[in-house]
Every structure is written in C-alpha cells, then in structure tokens.
Amino acid sequence: MKEPFSLERGRVVISIQGRDKGGAFIILENEGNGYVRIADGQRHRLEKPKKKKTMHVRAKPVLVELETLRAEGGRLQDSDLRRVLRENGFAPDCPLCKED
C-alpha cells in the first residue's frame, strides 16, 4: 500500500510495529533504503534517534518545519519535539495517537 503522505523530514508518523507501537514521532532524516530516523523527545531523543523501517510507520498529515521551531535560531531541542507533538494532538495520552 502506498503512503498518502511522503516520508520527509519533519513529517509526523505513528509507529505501527515494535516496542514503540502507537507512539507519535517526527522524522528527522529519511535515509533511503526503506529506513527513517525518528525521535519524539522522550523515549527517542535527538542525540540518539530511532532507526525504523518505513513499512513500520504511518505518516500523518502534519508536516513541521524543524528549522523554524526555534525563533531565536538556536539548536533544536527535545522539548521542541514534545511541544509540537502535543500541540498537534499527538500527546501520549491522546486518542489520536492510537492506530485503528
């Protein structure tokens, strides 16, 4: 099945397989070869993002400009990822996080 949304940097995805199933993440890098690097600022931080197969994530319609999250131009932080996920309805206790 083809993804309706591209798996590009800044795309919010939901994990559908593995230990982190049902969790919301942001793509930090698309490595090609069927893999992406994802982080959520809690379990998987920016310093050590999770390498995940693209077939094990589902893209959501939310695309975040990671470069503009810090207005003052500082480095992206884990708190920025958590804030963006929470503002878009993907908090861990949010029903939107669960895949049907």
N, C-alpha and C. Protein backbone atom coordinates (compact mmCIF):
# COMPACT_ATOMS: atom_id res chain seq x y z
N MET A 1 0.84 -1.18 0.00
CA MET A 1 0.00 0.00 0.00
C MET A 1 0.88 1.24 0.00
N LYS A 2 0.58 2.18 -0.86
CA LYS A 2 1.36 3.42 -0.96
C LYS A 2 0.91 4.40 0.10
N GLU A 3 1.89 5.07 0.71
CA GLU A 3 1.60 6.08 1.73
C GLU A 3 0.95 7.29 1.07
N PRO A 4 -0.12 7.83 1.65
CA PRO A 4 -0.75 9.03 1.08
C PRO A 4 0.09 10.27 1.31
N PHE A 5 1.00 10.26 2.29
CA PHE A 5 1.87 11.41 2.58
C PHE A 5 3.31 10.95 2.48
N SER A 6 4.17 11.83 1.98
CA SER A 6 5.58 11.48 1.83
C SER A 6 6.27 11.39 3.19
N LEU A 7 7.26 10.56 3.25
CA LEU A 7 8.03 10.39 4.49
C LEU A 7 9.26 11.28 4.40
N GLU A 8 9.06 12.57 4.64
CA GLU A 8 10.12 13.55 4.54
C GLU A 8 10.45 14.12 5.91
N ARG A 9 11.54 14.85 5.99
CA ARG A 9 11.99 15.46 7.23
C ARG A 9 10.90 16.37 7.78
N GLY A 10 10.53 16.17 9.05
CA GLY A 10 9.51 16.98 9.69
C GLY A 10 8.12 16.37 9.69
N ARG A 11 7.91 15.27 9.02
CA ARG A 11 6.59 14.61 8.97
C ARG A 11 6.32 13.88 10.28
N VAL A 12 5.12 14.03 10.80
CA VAL A 12 4.71 13.28 11.99
C VAL A 12 4.25 11.90 11.54
N VAL A 13 4.75 10.87 12.23
CA VAL A 13 4.39 9.49 11.91
C VAL A 13 3.98 8.77 13.19
N ILE A 14 3.20 7.71 13.01
CA ILE A 14 2.80 6.83 14.10
C ILE A 14 3.45 5.48 13.86
N SER A 15 4.08 4.93 14.88
CA SER A 15 4.69 3.61 14.79
C SER A 15 3.59 2.55 14.83
N ILE A 16 3.64 1.60 13.90
CA ILE A 16 2.62 0.54 13.87
C ILE A 16 3.20 -0.83 14.21
N GLN A 17 4.51 -0.90 14.42
CA GLN A 17 5.15 -2.16 14.78
C GLN A 17 6.23 -1.89 15.81
N GLY A 18 6.50 -2.88 16.62
CA GLY A 18 7.62 -2.81 17.56
C GLY A 18 7.21 -2.37 18.95
N ARG A 19 8.22 -2.18 19.77
CA ARG A 19 8.03 -1.83 21.17
C ARG A 19 7.34 -0.48 21.34
N ASP A 20 7.57 0.41 20.40
CA ASP A 20 7.01 1.75 20.46
C ASP A 20 5.70 1.89 19.68
N LYS A 21 5.03 0.79 19.42
CA LYS A 21 3.78 0.77 18.65
C LYS A 21 2.76 1.75 19.23
N GLY A 22 2.17 2.56 18.36
CA GLY A 22 1.17 3.53 18.78
C GLY A 22 1.74 4.88 19.15
N GLY A 23 3.05 5.00 19.22
CA GLY A 23 3.69 6.26 19.58
C GLY A 23 3.82 7.20 18.40
N ALA A 24 3.77 8.50 18.68
CA ALA A 24 3.94 9.52 17.65
C ALA A 24 5.38 10.00 17.65
N PHE A 25 5.92 10.19 16.46
CA PHE A 25 7.30 10.61 16.29
C PHE A 25 7.40 11.62 15.15
N ILE A 26 8.53 12.29 15.06
CA ILE A 26 8.81 13.20 13.96
C ILE A 26 10.02 12.65 13.21
N ILE A 27 9.93 12.63 11.89
CA ILE A 27 11.05 12.15 11.08
C ILE A 27 12.14 13.21 11.08
N LEU A 28 13.35 12.79 11.46
CA LEU A 28 14.50 13.68 11.44
C LEU A 28 15.30 13.53 10.16
N GLU A 29 15.26 12.32 9.58
CA GLU A 29 16.04 12.06 8.38
C GLU A 29 15.45 10.85 7.65
N ASN A 30 15.36 10.95 6.33
CA ASN A 30 14.98 9.81 5.52
C ASN A 30 16.26 9.27 4.91
N GLU A 31 16.68 8.10 5.36
CA GLU A 31 17.96 7.53 4.94
C GLU A 31 17.89 6.87 3.57
N GLY A 32 16.70 6.68 3.04
CA GLY A 32 16.57 5.88 1.83
C GLY A 32 16.65 4.41 2.21
N ASN A 33 16.70 3.53 1.26
CA ASN A 33 16.79 2.09 1.51
C ASN A 33 15.69 1.60 2.44
N GLY A 34 14.57 2.34 2.55
CA GLY A 34 13.46 1.89 3.38
C GLY A 34 13.59 2.19 4.85
N TYR A 35 14.45 3.14 5.26
CA TYR A 35 14.64 3.48 6.67
C TYR A 35 14.50 4.98 6.89
N VAL A 36 14.00 5.32 8.08
CA VAL A 36 13.95 6.71 8.52
C VAL A 36 14.50 6.78 9.94
N ARG A 37 14.95 7.96 10.34
CA ARG A 37 15.37 8.22 11.72
C ARG A 37 14.29 9.07 12.36
N ILE A 38 13.75 8.61 13.51
CA ILE A 38 12.65 9.30 14.15
C ILE A 38 12.99 9.61 15.61
N ALA A 39 12.33 10.64 16.15
CA ALA A 39 12.50 11.00 17.55
C ALA A 39 11.21 11.61 18.06
N ASP A 40 11.00 11.50 19.38
CA ASP A 40 9.82 12.11 19.99
C ASP A 40 10.18 13.02 21.16
N GLY A 41 11.47 13.08 21.51
CA GLY A 41 11.89 13.95 22.59
C GLY A 41 11.78 13.31 23.96
N GLN A 42 11.25 12.10 24.05
CA GLN A 42 11.14 11.40 25.34
C GLN A 42 11.90 10.09 25.28
N ARG A 43 11.30 9.08 24.69
CA ARG A 43 11.95 7.77 24.61
C ARG A 43 13.12 7.80 23.64
N HIS A 44 12.93 8.47 22.52
CA HIS A 44 13.98 8.58 21.50
C HIS A 44 14.30 10.06 21.33
N ARG A 45 15.47 10.43 21.79
CA ARG A 45 15.87 11.83 21.81
C ARG A 45 16.66 12.19 20.55
N LEU A 46 16.89 13.48 20.39
CA LEU A 46 17.61 13.98 19.22
C LEU A 46 19.04 13.43 19.13
N GLU A 47 19.68 13.21 20.27
CA GLU A 47 21.05 12.71 20.26
C GLU A 47 21.14 11.27 19.74
N LYS A 48 20.07 10.51 19.96
CA LYS A 48 20.07 9.11 19.54
C LYS A 48 18.70 8.75 18.96
N PRO A 49 18.40 9.20 17.73
CA PRO A 49 17.10 8.89 17.13
C PRO A 49 16.98 7.41 16.77
N LYS A 50 15.76 6.94 16.69
CA LYS A 50 15.49 5.54 16.38
C LYS A 50 15.51 5.33 14.87
N LYS A 51 16.19 4.29 14.44
CA LYS A 51 16.18 3.90 13.03
C LYS A 51 15.01 2.94 12.85
N LYS A 52 14.09 3.27 11.97
CA LYS A 52 12.86 2.50 11.82
C LYS A 52 12.60 2.25 10.34
N LYS A 53 12.10 1.08 10.02
CA LYS A 53 11.72 0.78 8.64
C LYS A 53 10.49 1.60 8.28
N THR A 54 10.46 2.07 7.05
CA THR A 54 9.33 2.90 6.61
C THR A 54 8.03 2.10 6.57
N MET A 55 8.13 0.80 6.40
CA MET A 55 6.91 -0.02 6.39
C MET A 55 6.29 -0.16 7.77
N HIS A 56 7.02 0.25 8.82
CA HIS A 56 6.53 0.14 10.19
C HIS A 56 6.04 1.46 10.75
N VAL A 57 5.87 2.47 9.90
CA VAL A 57 5.31 3.75 10.34
C VAL A 57 4.21 4.18 9.38
N ARG A 58 3.27 4.96 9.89
CA ARG A 58 2.19 5.54 9.08
C ARG A 58 2.28 7.05 9.18
N ALA A 59 2.38 7.70 8.05
CA ALA A 59 2.51 9.16 8.00
C ALA A 59 1.17 9.82 8.31
N LYS A 60 1.23 10.92 9.00
CA LYS A 60 0.06 11.73 9.32
C LYS A 60 0.13 13.03 8.51
N PRO A 61 -0.96 13.77 8.38
CA PRO A 61 -0.96 14.97 7.54
C PRO A 61 -0.22 16.17 8.13
N VAL A 62 0.45 15.99 9.25
CA VAL A 62 1.15 17.10 9.90
C VAL A 62 2.60 17.12 9.44
N LEU A 63 3.04 18.27 8.90
CA LEU A 63 4.42 18.46 8.48
C LEU A 63 4.97 19.67 9.22
N VAL A 64 6.08 19.48 9.93
CA VAL A 64 6.66 20.50 10.78
C VAL A 64 7.95 21.01 10.14
N GLU A 65 8.12 22.33 10.11
CA GLU A 65 9.38 22.93 9.66
C GLU A 65 10.33 22.93 10.85
N LEU A 66 11.22 21.96 10.93
CA LEU A 66 12.10 21.81 12.08
C LEU A 66 13.05 23.00 12.24
N GLU A 67 13.45 23.61 11.13
CA GLU A 67 14.39 24.72 11.18
C GLU A 67 13.78 25.96 11.83
N THR A 68 12.46 26.10 11.79
CA THR A 68 11.81 27.30 12.32
C THR A 68 11.20 27.11 13.70
N LEU A 69 11.42 25.98 14.35
CA LEU A 69 10.85 25.74 15.68
C LEU A 69 11.48 26.66 16.72
N ARG A 70 12.73 26.98 16.56
CA ARG A 70 13.43 27.89 17.47
C ARG A 70 13.45 29.27 16.84
N ALA A 71 12.65 30.18 17.36
CA ALA A 71 12.56 31.53 16.80
C ALA A 71 13.89 32.27 16.87
N GLU A 72 14.64 32.05 17.93
CA GLU A 72 15.90 32.75 18.09
C GLU A 72 17.04 32.09 17.31
N GLY A 73 16.74 31.04 16.57
CA GLY A 73 17.74 30.40 15.73
C GLY A 73 18.66 29.44 16.45
N GLY A 74 18.33 29.05 17.66
CA GLY A 74 19.15 28.12 18.43
C GLY A 74 19.01 26.69 17.92
N ARG A 75 19.71 25.79 18.57
CA ARG A 75 19.63 24.38 18.21
C ARG A 75 18.28 23.79 18.60
N LEU A 76 17.82 22.88 17.78
CA LEU A 76 16.58 22.15 18.06
C LEU A 76 16.77 21.33 19.33
N GLN A 77 15.76 21.30 20.19
CA GLN A 77 15.84 20.57 21.45
C GLN A 77 14.70 19.57 21.54
N ASP A 78 14.86 18.60 22.45
CA ASP A 78 13.83 17.58 22.67
C ASP A 78 12.52 18.21 23.11
N SER A 79 12.58 19.26 23.88
CA SER A 79 11.35 19.93 24.33
C SER A 79 10.57 20.51 23.16
N ASP A 80 11.26 20.91 22.09
CA ASP A 80 10.57 21.41 20.90
C ASP A 80 9.76 20.30 20.24
N LEU A 81 10.33 19.11 20.17
CA LEU A 81 9.62 17.97 19.57
C LEU A 81 8.39 17.61 20.40
N ARG A 82 8.56 17.56 21.73
CA ARG A 82 7.43 17.23 22.60
C ARG A 82 6.33 18.27 22.48
N ARG A 83 6.70 19.55 22.41
CA ARG A 83 5.72 20.63 22.31
C ARG A 83 4.93 20.54 21.00
N VAL A 84 5.63 20.30 19.90
CA VAL A 84 4.96 20.21 18.60
C VAL A 84 4.00 19.03 18.55
N LEU A 85 4.42 17.89 19.07
CA LEU A 85 3.55 16.72 19.08
C LEU A 85 2.32 16.98 19.95
N ARG A 86 2.51 17.59 21.10
CA ARG A 86 1.38 17.90 21.99
C ARG A 86 0.43 18.92 21.36
N GLU A 87 0.96 19.96 20.72
CA GLU A 87 0.13 21.00 20.10
C GLU A 87 -0.70 20.46 18.93
N ASN A 88 -0.21 19.42 18.28
CA ASN A 88 -0.92 18.84 17.14
C ASN A 88 -1.78 17.65 17.51
N GLY A 89 -1.98 17.41 18.82
CA GLY A 89 -2.89 16.36 19.27
C GLY A 89 -2.27 14.99 19.34
N PHE A 90 -0.95 14.89 19.40
CA PHE A 90 -0.29 13.59 19.45
C PHE A 90 0.39 13.36 20.80
N ALA A 91 -0.19 13.87 21.87
CA ALA A 91 0.34 13.62 23.21
C ALA A 91 0.16 12.13 23.53
N PRO A 92 1.02 11.56 24.38
CA PRO A 92 0.93 10.12 24.66
C PRO A 92 -0.43 9.62 25.14
N ASP A 93 -1.19 10.45 25.86
CA ASP A 93 -2.49 10.01 26.34
C ASP A 93 -3.63 10.44 25.42
N CYS A 94 -3.30 10.93 24.25
CA CYS A 94 -4.29 11.42 23.28
C CYS A 94 -4.86 10.27 22.46
N PRO A 95 -6.18 10.22 22.24
CA PRO A 95 -6.76 9.14 21.44
C PRO A 95 -6.33 9.17 19.98
N LEU A 96 -5.85 10.31 19.47
CA LEU A 96 -5.39 10.37 18.08
C LEU A 96 -4.12 9.56 17.86
N CYS A 97 -3.41 9.26 18.94
CA CYS A 97 -2.16 8.50 18.84
C CYS A 97 -2.41 7.03 18.50
N LYS A 98 -3.56 6.54 18.81
CA LYS A 98 -3.88 5.13 18.59
C LYS A 98 -4.27 4.89 17.14
N GLU A 99 -3.70 3.86 16.56
CA GLU A 99 -3.99 3.49 15.17
C GLU A 99 -5.21 2.58 15.15
N ASP A 100 -6.12 2.79 14.24
CA ASP A 100 -7.33 1.95 14.15
C ASP A 100 -7.00 0.60 13.56
